[in-house]
Amino acid sequence: MFRHLLPNAMVATVTMLPFLVTGAIGTLAGLDFLGYGLPSSAPSLGELSLQAKQNLQAPWLGFTAFFTFAIMLALLVFIFEGVRDAFDPRKTFR
């Protein structure tokens, strides 16, 4: 069981993890943007996006929120893809 079943099940689990993590981050940012997430004094991407919407004369707030969100999610996906490749039992290195 530990030699055949567990490594193959772990690959499927690690494959699904980046989608769960990025979905949770996106959900939290969306709830914060709508005002239902963390308290308004807590810093978050949703709060930054809401401040960017309220202060359209300061476009750097919107750019900062967008690029932080995009780079963070892309890096998370790349990191989890590397972890998945590292734990893949079918991948052979020569």
PDB file of N, CA and C in Angstrom:
ATOM      1  N   MET A   1       0.821  -1.182   0.000  1.00  0.00           N
ATOM      2  CA  MET A   1       0.000   0.000   0.000  1.00  0.00           C
ATOM      3  C   MET A   1       0.877   1.263   0.000  1.00  0.00           C
ATOM      4  N   PHE A   2       1.923   1.294   0.822  1.00  0.00           N
ATOM      5  CA  PHE A   2       2.766   2.482   0.894  1.00  0.00           C
ATOM      6  C   PHE A   2       3.628   2.636  -0.357  1.00  0.00           C
ATOM      7  N   ARG A   3       3.855   1.553  -1.070  1.00  0.00           N
ATOM      8  CA  ARG A   3       4.726   1.624  -2.233  1.00  0.00           C
ATOM      9  C   ARG A   3       3.972   1.977  -3.517  1.00  0.00           C
ATOM     10  N   HIS A   4       2.723   1.514  -3.655  1.00  0.00           N
ATOM     11  CA  HIS A   4       1.993   1.708  -4.910  1.00  0.00           C
ATOM     12  C   HIS A   4       0.836   2.695  -4.787  1.00  0.00           C
ATOM     13  N   LEU A   5       0.024   2.551  -3.782  1.00  0.00           N
ATOM     14  CA  LEU A   5      -1.197   3.343  -3.684  1.00  0.00           C
ATOM     15  C   LEU A   5      -0.938   4.767  -3.200  1.00  0.00           C
ATOM     16  N   LEU A   6      -0.165   4.908  -2.151  1.00  0.00           N
ATOM     17  CA  LEU A   6       0.058   6.223  -1.553  1.00  0.00           C
ATOM     18  C   LEU A   6       0.761   7.211  -2.485  1.00  0.00           C
ATOM     19  N   PRO A   7       1.840   6.844  -3.191  1.00  0.00           N
ATOM     20  CA  PRO A   7       2.465   7.837  -4.099  1.00  0.00           C
ATOM     21  C   PRO A   7       1.539   8.289  -5.227  1.00  0.00           C
ATOM     22  N   ASN A   8       0.747   7.401  -5.774  1.00  0.00           N
ATOM     23  CA  ASN A   8      -0.166   7.793  -6.847  1.00  0.00           C
ATOM     24  C   ASN A   8      -1.319   8.641  -6.327  1.00  0.00           C
ATOM     25  N   ALA A   9      -1.790   8.369  -5.122  1.00  0.00           N
ATOM     26  CA  ALA A   9      -2.843   9.196  -4.538  1.00  0.00           C
ATOM     27  C   ALA A   9      -2.308  10.573  -4.166  1.00  0.00           C
ATOM     28  N   MET A  10      -1.046  10.634  -3.760  1.00  0.00           N
ATOM     29  CA  MET A  10      -0.457  11.909  -3.391  1.00  0.00           C
ATOM     30  C   MET A  10      -0.313  12.823  -4.609  1.00  0.00           C
ATOM     31  N   VAL A  11      -0.037  12.260  -5.776  1.00  0.00           N
ATOM     32  CA  VAL A  11       0.085  13.073  -6.988  1.00  0.00           C
ATOM     33  C   VAL A  11      -1.255  13.716  -7.323  1.00  0.00           C
ATOM     34  N   ALA A  12      -2.337  12.981  -7.189  1.00  0.00           N
ATOM     35  CA  ALA A  12      -3.659  13.544  -7.472  1.00  0.00           C
ATOM     36  C   ALA A  12      -4.010  14.637  -6.477  1.00  0.00           C
ATOM     37  N   THR A  13      -3.639  14.441  -5.232  1.00  0.00           N
ATOM     38  CA  THR A  13      -3.928  15.439  -4.211  1.00  0.00           C
ATOM     39  C   THR A  13      -3.102  16.701  -4.429  1.00  0.00           C
ATOM     40  N   VAL A  14      -1.832  16.546  -4.736  1.00  0.00           N
ATOM     41  CA  VAL A  14      -0.965  17.703  -4.952  1.00  0.00           C
ATOM     42  C   VAL A  14      -1.357  18.430  -6.234  1.00  0.00           C
ATOM     43  N   THR A  15      -1.935  17.726  -7.192  1.00  0.00           N
ATOM     44  CA  THR A  15      -2.402  18.363  -8.423  1.00  0.00           C
ATOM     45  C   THR A  15      -3.595  19.268  -8.152  1.00  0.00           C
ATOM     46  N   MET A  16      -4.432  18.897  -7.207  1.00  0.00           N
ATOM     47  CA  MET A  16      -5.632  19.677  -6.907  1.00  0.00           C
ATOM     48  C   MET A  16      -5.351  20.845  -5.963  1.00  0.00           C
ATOM     49  N   LEU A  17      -4.276  20.791  -5.201  1.00  0.00           N
ATOM     50  CA  LEU A  17      -3.984  21.817  -4.195  1.00  0.00           C
ATOM     51  C   LEU A  17      -3.847  23.239  -4.742  1.00  0.00           C
ATOM     52  N   PRO A  18      -3.155  23.497  -5.866  1.00  0.00           N
ATOM     53  CA  PRO A  18      -3.050  24.897  -6.302  1.00  0.00           C
ATOM     54  C   PRO A  18      -4.389  25.515  -6.643  1.00  0.00           C
ATOM     55  N   PHE A  19      -5.304  24.716  -7.157  1.00  0.00           N
ATOM     56  CA  PHE A  19      -6.622  25.245  -7.481  1.00  0.00           C
ATOM     57  C   PHE A  19      -7.415  25.568  -6.222  1.00  0.00           C
ATOM     58  N   LEU A  20      -7.255  24.758  -5.183  1.00  0.00           N
ATOM     59  CA  LEU A  20      -7.922  25.037  -3.914  1.00  0.00           C
ATOM     60  C   LEU A  20      -7.353  26.292  -3.253  1.00  0.00           C
ATOM     61  N   VAL A  21      -6.049  26.419  -3.261  1.00  0.00           N
ATOM     62  CA  VAL A  21      -5.407  27.573  -2.606  1.00  0.00           C
ATOM     63  C   VAL A  21      -5.728  28.864  -3.354  1.00  0.00           C
ATOM     64  N   THR A  22      -5.609  28.854  -4.668  1.00  0.00           N
ATOM     65  CA  THR A  22      -5.904  30.073  -5.429  1.00  0.00           C
ATOM     66  C   THR A  22      -7.391  30.417  -5.353  1.00  0.00           C
ATOM     67  N   GLY A  23      -8.250  29.415  -5.307  1.00  0.00           N
ATOM     68  CA  GLY A  23      -9.679  29.674  -5.132  1.00  0.00           C
ATOM     69  C   GLY A  23      -9.990  30.286  -3.781  1.00  0.00           C
ATOM     70  N   ALA A  24      -9.317  29.808  -2.738  1.00  0.00           N
ATOM     71  CA  ALA A  24      -9.525  30.369  -1.404  1.00  0.00           C
ATOM     72  C   ALA A  24      -9.034  31.810  -1.328  1.00  0.00           C
ATOM     73  N   ILE A  25      -7.895  32.089  -1.940  1.00  0.00           N
ATOM     74  CA  ILE A  25      -7.371  33.461  -1.947  1.00  0.00           C
ATOM     75  C   ILE A  25      -8.302  34.381  -2.729  1.00  0.00           C
ATOM     76  N   GLY A  26      -8.768  33.917  -3.879  1.00  0.00           N
ATOM     77  CA  GLY A  26      -9.702  34.719  -4.676  1.00  0.00           C
ATOM     78  C   GLY A  26     -11.021  34.953  -3.961  1.00  0.00           C
ATOM     79  N   THR A  27     -11.514  33.939  -3.265  1.00  0.00           N
ATOM     80  CA  THR A  27     -12.760  34.085  -2.515  1.00  0.00           C
ATOM     81  C   THR A  27     -12.601  35.074  -1.372  1.00  0.00           C
ATOM     82  N   LEU A  28     -11.492  34.976  -0.646  1.00  0.00           N
ATOM     83  CA  LEU A  28     -11.246  35.912   0.447  1.00  0.00           C
ATOM     84  C   LEU A  28     -11.115  37.339  -0.068  1.00  0.00           C
ATOM     85  N   ALA A  29     -10.414  37.519  -1.173  1.00  0.00           N
ATOM     86  CA  ALA A  29     -10.277  38.867  -1.749  1.00  0.00           C
ATOM     87  C   ALA A  29     -11.632  39.396  -2.215  1.00  0.00           C
ATOM     88  N   GLY A  30     -12.448  38.531  -2.815  1.00  0.00           N
ATOM     89  CA  GLY A  30     -13.777  38.960  -3.248  1.00  0.00           C
ATOM     90  C   GLY A  30     -14.680  39.329  -2.083  1.00  0.00           C
ATOM     91  N   LEU A  31     -14.644  38.522  -1.028  1.00  0.00           N
ATOM     92  CA  LEU A  31     -15.449  38.840   0.152  1.00  0.00           C
ATOM     93  C   LEU A  31     -14.967  40.113   0.832  1.00  0.00           C
ATOM     94  N   ASP A  32     -13.655  40.317   0.876  1.00  0.00           N
ATOM     95  CA  ASP A  32     -13.127  41.560   1.443  1.00  0.00           C
ATOM     96  C   ASP A  32     -13.530  42.763   0.602  1.00  0.00           C
ATOM     97  N   PHE A  33     -13.541  42.601  -0.702  1.00  0.00           N
ATOM     98  CA  PHE A  33     -13.943  43.684  -1.590  1.00  0.00           C
ATOM     99  C   PHE A  33     -15.406  44.064  -1.358  1.00  0.00           C
ATOM    100  N   LEU A  34     -16.249  43.058  -1.106  1.00  0.00           N
ATOM    101  CA  LEU A  34     -17.668  43.321  -0.858  1.00  0.00           C
ATOM    102  C   LEU A  34     -17.956  43.757   0.569  1.00  0.00           C
ATOM    103  N   GLY A  35     -16.973  43.613   1.461  1.00  0.00           N
ATOM    104  CA  GLY A  35     -17.151  44.038   2.837  1.00  0.00           C
ATOM    105  C   GLY A  35     -17.570  42.935   3.787  1.00  0.00           C
ATOM    106  N   TYR A  36     -17.539  41.676   3.344  1.00  0.00           N
ATOM    107  CA  TYR A  36     -17.961  40.557   4.173  1.00  0.00           C
ATOM    108  C   TYR A  36     -16.805  39.711   4.704  1.00  0.00           C
ATOM    109  N   GLY A  37     -15.595  40.068   4.423  1.00  0.00           N
ATOM    110  CA  GLY A  37     -14.448  39.257   4.810  1.00  0.00           C
ATOM    111  C   GLY A  37     -13.861  39.691   6.136  1.00  0.00           C
ATOM    112  N   LEU A  38     -12.573  39.972   6.132  1.00  0.00           N
ATOM    113  CA  LEU A  38     -11.863  40.406   7.319  1.00  0.00           C
ATOM    114  C   LEU A  38     -12.352  41.782   7.756  1.00  0.00           C
ATOM    115  N   PRO A  39     -12.069  42.176   9.001  1.00  0.00           N
ATOM    116  CA  PRO A  39     -12.428  43.541   9.417  1.00  0.00           C
ATOM    117  C   PRO A  39     -11.761  44.583   8.526  1.00  0.00           C
ATOM    118  N   SER A  40     -12.358  45.742   8.433  1.00  0.00           N
ATOM    119  CA  SER A  40     -11.856  46.745   7.490  1.00  0.00           C
ATOM    120  C   SER A  40     -10.474  47.269   7.873  1.00  0.00           C
ATOM    121  N   SER A  41     -10.058  47.080   9.110  1.00  0.00           N
ATOM    122  CA  SER A  41      -8.726  47.541   9.504  1.00  0.00           C
ATOM    123  C   SER A  41      -7.632  46.554   9.090  1.00  0.00           C
ATOM    124  N   ALA A  42      -7.999  45.330   8.721  1.00  0.00           N
ATOM    125  CA  ALA A  42      -7.011  44.310   8.340  1.00  0.00           C
ATOM    126  C   ALA A  42      -6.592  44.521   6.881  1.00  0.00           C
ATOM    127  N   PRO A  43      -5.291  44.476   6.593  1.00  0.00           N
ATOM    128  CA  PRO A  43      -4.849  44.638   5.211  1.00  0.00           C
ATOM    129  C   PRO A  43      -5.110  43.371   4.400  1.00  0.00           C
ATOM    130  N   SER A  44      -5.646  43.534   3.212  1.00  0.00           N
ATOM    131  CA  SER A  44      -5.906  42.401   2.323  1.00  0.00           C
ATOM    132  C   SER A  44      -5.998  42.920   0.896  1.00  0.00           C
ATOM    133  N   LEU A  45      -5.954  41.991  -0.053  1.00  0.00           N
ATOM    134  CA  LEU A  45      -6.055  42.390  -1.464  1.00  0.00           C
ATOM    135  C   LEU A  45      -7.443  42.923  -1.794  1.00  0.00           C
ATOM    136  N   GLY A  46      -8.453  42.380  -1.148  1.00  0.00           N
ATOM    137  CA  GLY A  46      -9.813  42.883  -1.376  1.00  0.00           C
ATOM    138  C   GLY A  46      -9.985  44.298  -0.872  1.00  0.00           C
ATOM    139  N   GLU A  47      -9.416  44.572   0.286  1.00  0.00           N
ATOM    140  CA  GLU A  47      -9.474  45.934   0.835  1.00  0.00           C
ATOM    141  C   GLU A  47      -8.700  46.901  -0.058  1.00  0.00           C
ATOM    142  N   LEU A  48      -7.553  46.473  -0.570  1.00  0.00           N
ATOM    143  CA  LEU A  48      -6.780  47.317  -1.487  1.00  0.00           C
ATOM    144  C   LEU A  48      -7.558  47.573  -2.775  1.00  0.00           C
ATOM    145  N   SER A  49      -8.251  46.559  -3.285  1.00  0.00           N
ATOM    146  CA  SER A  49      -9.067  46.739  -4.492  1.00  0.00           C
ATOM    147  C   SER A  49     -10.234  47.686  -4.227  1.00  0.00           C
ATOM    148  N   LEU A  50     -10.837  47.588  -3.047  1.00  0.00           N
ATOM    149  CA  LEU A  50     -11.929  48.494  -2.692  1.00  0.00           C
ATOM    150  C   LEU A  50     -11.427  49.929  -2.578  1.00  0.00           C
ATOM    151  N   GLN A  51     -10.266  50.125  -1.978  1.00  0.00           N
ATOM    152  CA  GLN A  51      -9.691  51.470  -1.899  1.00  0.00           C
ATOM    153  C   GLN A  51      -9.341  52.000  -3.278  1.00  0.00           C
ATOM    154  N   ALA A  52      -8.895  51.128  -4.185  1.00  0.00           N
ATOM    155  CA  ALA A  52      -8.597  51.552  -5.554  1.00  0.00           C
ATOM    156  C   ALA A  52      -9.878  51.976  -6.270  1.00  0.00           C
ATOM    157  N   LYS A  53     -10.970  51.278  -5.990  1.00  0.00           N
ATOM    158  CA  LYS A  53     -12.252  51.649  -6.614  1.00  0.00           C
ATOM    159  C   LYS A  53     -12.762  52.979  -6.062  1.00  0.00           C
ATOM    160  N   GLN A  54     -12.544  53.210  -4.788  1.00  0.00           N
ATOM    161  CA  GLN A  54     -13.023  54.444  -4.174  1.00  0.00           C
ATOM    162  C   GLN A  54     -12.134  55.636  -4.505  1.00  0.00           C
ATOM    163  N   ASN A  55     -10.885  55.411  -4.863  1.00  0.00           N
ATOM    164  CA  ASN A  55      -9.939  56.479  -5.179  1.00  0.00           C
ATOM    165  C   ASN A  55      -9.443  56.320  -6.610  1.00  0.00           C
ATOM    166  N   LEU A  56     -10.285  56.629  -7.562  1.00  0.00           N
ATOM    167  CA  LEU A  56      -9.912  56.472  -8.972  1.00  0.00           C
ATOM    168  C   LEU A  56      -8.851  57.474  -9.412  1.00  0.00           C
ATOM    169  N   GLN A  57      -8.646  58.533  -8.636  1.00  0.00           N
ATOM    170  CA  GLN A  57      -7.607  59.501  -8.985  1.00  0.00           C
ATOM    171  C   GLN A  57      -6.215  58.972  -8.663  1.00  0.00           C
ATOM    172  N   ALA A  58      -6.127  57.835  -7.959  1.00  0.00           N
ATOM    173  CA  ALA A  58      -4.838  57.215  -7.634  1.00  0.00           C
ATOM    174  C   ALA A  58      -4.766  55.843  -8.318  1.00  0.00           C
ATOM    175  N   PRO A  59      -4.378  55.806  -9.592  1.00  0.00           N
ATOM    176  CA  PRO A  59      -4.408  54.535 -10.322  1.00  0.00           C
ATOM    177  C   PRO A  59      -3.386  53.521  -9.842  1.00  0.00           C
ATOM    178  N   TRP A  60      -2.354  53.944  -9.107  1.00  0.00           N
ATOM    179  CA  TRP A  60      -1.349  52.999  -8.627  1.00  0.00           C
ATOM    180  C   TRP A  60      -1.941  52.009  -7.630  1.00  0.00           C
ATOM    181  N   LEU A  61      -3.022  52.356  -6.970  1.00  0.00           N
ATOM    182  CA  LEU A  61      -3.660  51.413  -6.061  1.00  0.00           C
ATOM    183  C   LEU A  61      -4.248  50.232  -6.828  1.00  0.00           C
ATOM    184  N   GLY A  62      -4.909  50.512  -7.921  1.00  0.00           N
ATOM    185  CA  GLY A  62      -5.475  49.449  -8.747  1.00  0.00           C
ATOM    186  C   GLY A  62      -4.411  48.592  -9.403  1.00  0.00           C
ATOM    187  N   PHE A  63      -3.359  49.246  -9.912  1.00  0.00           N
ATOM    188  CA  PHE A  63      -2.263  48.494 -10.525  1.00  0.00           C
ATOM    189  C   PHE A  63      -1.562  47.607  -9.503  1.00  0.00           C
ATOM    190  N   THR A  64      -1.367  48.140  -8.304  1.00  0.00           N
ATOM    191  CA  THR A  64      -0.719  47.358  -7.247  1.00  0.00           C
ATOM    192  C   THR A  64      -1.557  46.150  -6.870  1.00  0.00           C
ATOM    193  N   ALA A  65      -2.849  46.339  -6.711  1.00  0.00           N
ATOM    194  CA  ALA A  65      -3.733  45.224  -6.350  1.00  0.00           C
ATOM    195  C   ALA A  65      -3.743  44.171  -7.453  1.00  0.00           C
ATOM    196  N   PHE A  66      -3.872  44.600  -8.690  1.00  0.00           N
ATOM    197  CA  PHE A  66      -3.939  43.658  -9.804  1.00  0.00           C
ATOM    198  C   PHE A  66      -2.645  42.867  -9.960  1.00  0.00           C
ATOM    199  N   PHE A  67      -1.518  43.569  -9.978  1.00  0.00           N
ATOM    200  CA  PHE A  67      -0.249  42.879 -10.205  1.00  0.00           C
ATOM    201  C   PHE A  67       0.139  41.993  -9.024  1.00  0.00           C
ATOM    202  N   THR A  68      -0.166  42.426  -7.809  1.00  0.00           N
ATOM    203  CA  THR A  68       0.109  41.576  -6.646  1.00  0.00           C
ATOM    204  C   THR A  68      -0.707  40.301  -6.712  1.00  0.00           C
ATOM    205  N   PHE A  69      -1.985  40.432  -7.018  1.00  0.00           N
ATOM    206  CA  PHE A  69      -2.875  39.275  -7.117  1.00  0.00           C
ATOM    207  C   PHE A  69      -2.426  38.339  -8.240  1.00  0.00           C
ATOM    208  N   ALA A  70      -2.134  38.881  -9.408  1.00  0.00           N
ATOM    209  CA  ALA A  70      -1.750  38.059 -10.561  1.00  0.00           C
ATOM    210  C   ALA A  70      -0.416  37.359 -10.342  1.00  0.00           C
ATOM    211  N   ILE A  71       0.574  38.078  -9.829  1.00  0.00           N
ATOM    212  CA  ILE A  71       1.892  37.470  -9.616  1.00  0.00           C
ATOM    213  C   ILE A  71       1.836  36.432  -8.519  1.00  0.00           C
ATOM    214  N   MET A  72       1.106  36.714  -7.446  1.00  0.00           N
ATOM    215  CA  MET A  72       1.011  35.762  -6.344  1.00  0.00           C
ATOM    216  C   MET A  72       0.340  34.460  -6.784  1.00  0.00           C
ATOM    217  N   LEU A  73      -0.751  34.549  -7.517  1.00  0.00           N
ATOM    218  CA  LEU A  73      -1.438  33.343  -7.956  1.00  0.00           C
ATOM    219  C   LEU A  73      -0.619  32.567  -8.980  1.00  0.00           C
ATOM    220  N   ALA A  74       0.062  33.272  -9.873  1.00  0.00           N
ATOM    221  CA  ALA A  74       0.913  32.579 -10.854  1.00  0.00           C
ATOM    222  C   ALA A  74       2.067  31.862 -10.165  1.00  0.00           C
ATOM    223  N   LEU A  75       2.696  32.510  -9.189  1.00  0.00           N
ATOM    224  CA  LEU A  75       3.795  31.865  -8.474  1.00  0.00           C
ATOM    225  C   LEU A  75       3.317  30.662  -7.669  1.00  0.00           C
ATOM    226  N   LEU A  76       2.136  30.765  -7.071  1.00  0.00           N
ATOM    227  CA  LEU A  76       1.595  29.616  -6.338  1.00  0.00           C
ATOM    228  C   LEU A  76       1.379  28.430  -7.263  1.00  0.00           C
ATOM    229  N   VAL A  77       0.842  28.678  -8.436  1.00  0.00           N
ATOM    230  CA  VAL A  77       0.607  27.586  -9.384  1.00  0.00           C
ATOM    231  C   VAL A  77       1.936  26.979  -9.832  1.00  0.00           C
ATOM    232  N   PHE A  78       2.933  27.815 -10.112  1.00  0.00           N
ATOM    233  CA  PHE A  78       4.245  27.298 -10.528  1.00  0.00           C
ATOM    234  C   PHE A  78       4.905  26.487  -9.424  1.00  0.00           C
ATOM    235  N   ILE A  79       4.811  26.953  -8.193  1.00  0.00           N
ATOM    236  CA  ILE A  79       5.410  26.224  -7.071  1.00  0.00           C
ATOM    237  C   ILE A  79       4.739  24.876  -6.902  1.00  0.00           C
ATOM    238  N   PHE A  80       3.408  24.846  -6.940  1.00  0.00           N
ATOM    239  CA  PHE A  80       2.706  23.575  -6.776  1.00  0.00           C
ATOM    240  C   PHE A  80       2.937  22.630  -7.952  1.00  0.00           C
ATOM    241  N   GLU A  81       3.137  23.164  -9.147  1.00  0.00           N
ATOM    242  CA  GLU A  81       3.469  22.304 -10.281  1.00  0.00           C
ATOM    243  C   GLU A  81       4.840  21.673 -10.093  1.00  0.00           C
ATOM    244  N   GLY A  82       5.784  22.437  -9.553  1.00  0.00           N
ATOM    245  CA  GLY A  82       7.094  21.875  -9.258  1.00  0.00           C
ATOM    246  C   GLY A  82       7.032  20.804  -8.182  1.00  0.00           C
ATOM    247  N   VAL A  83       6.216  21.024  -7.164  1.00  0.00           N
ATOM    248  CA  VAL A  83       6.036  20.018  -6.110  1.00  0.00           C
ATOM    249  C   VAL A  83       5.400  18.758  -6.692  1.00  0.00           C
ATOM    250  N   ARG A  84       4.430  18.947  -7.569  1.00  0.00           N
ATOM    251  CA  ARG A  84       3.788  17.784  -8.186  1.00  0.00           C
ATOM    252  C   ARG A  84       4.776  16.991  -9.029  1.00  0.00           C
ATOM    253  N   ASP A  85       5.606  17.686  -9.794  1.00  0.00           N
ATOM    254  CA  ASP A  85       6.617  16.992 -10.591  1.00  0.00           C
ATOM    255  C   ASP A  85       7.638  16.279  -9.715  1.00  0.00           C
ATOM    256  N   ALA A  86       7.963  16.866  -8.571  1.00  0.00           N
ATOM    257  CA  ALA A  86       8.942  16.241  -7.680  1.00  0.00           C
ATOM    258  C   ALA A  86       8.398  14.959  -7.056  1.00  0.00           C
ATOM    259  N   PHE A  87       7.101  14.911  -6.790  1.00  0.00           N
ATOM    260  CA  PHE A  87       6.514  13.741  -6.144  1.00  0.00           C
ATOM    261  C   PHE A  87       5.901  12.743  -7.116  1.00  0.00           C
ATOM    262  N   ASP A  88       5.992  12.977  -8.408  1.00  0.00           N
ATOM    263  CA  ASP A  88       5.385  12.085  -9.392  1.00  0.00           C
ATOM    264  C   ASP A  88       6.180  10.785  -9.470  1.00  0.00           C
ATOM    265  N   PRO A  89       5.571   9.648  -9.117  1.00  0.00           N
ATOM    266  CA  PRO A  89       6.329   8.389  -9.140  1.00  0.00           C
ATOM    267  C   PRO A  89       6.564   7.860 -10.555  1.00  0.00           C
ATOM    268  N   ARG A  90       5.802   8.330 -11.520  1.00  0.00           N
ATOM    269  CA  ARG A  90       5.959   7.841 -12.900  1.00  0.00           C
ATOM    270  C   ARG A  90       7.048   8.574 -13.657  1.00  0.00           C
ATOM    271  N   LYS A  91       7.524   9.671 -13.109  1.00  0.00           N
ATOM    272  CA  LYS A  91       8.567  10.459 -13.769  1.00  0.00           C
ATOM    273  C   LYS A  91       9.926   9.851 -13.433  1.00  0.00           C
ATOM    274  N   THR A  92      10.685   9.578 -14.447  1.00  0.00           N
ATOM    275  CA  THR A  92      12.013   8.999 -14.232  1.00  0.00           C
ATOM    276  C   THR A  92      13.073  10.022 -14.630  1.00  0.00           C
ATOM    277  N   PHE A  93      14.080  10.146 -13.798  1.00  0.00           N
ATOM    278  CA  PHE A  93      15.199  11.038 -14.089  1.00  0.00           C
ATOM    279  C   PHE A  93      16.414  10.205 -14.438  1.00  0.00           C
ATOM    280  N   ARG A  94      17.125  10.636 -15.449  1.00  0.00           N
ATOM    281  CA  ARG A  94      18.314   9.883 -15.889  1.00  0.00           C
ATOM    282  C   ARG A  94      19.554  10.667 -15.649  1.00  0.00           C
TER     283      ARG A  94
END
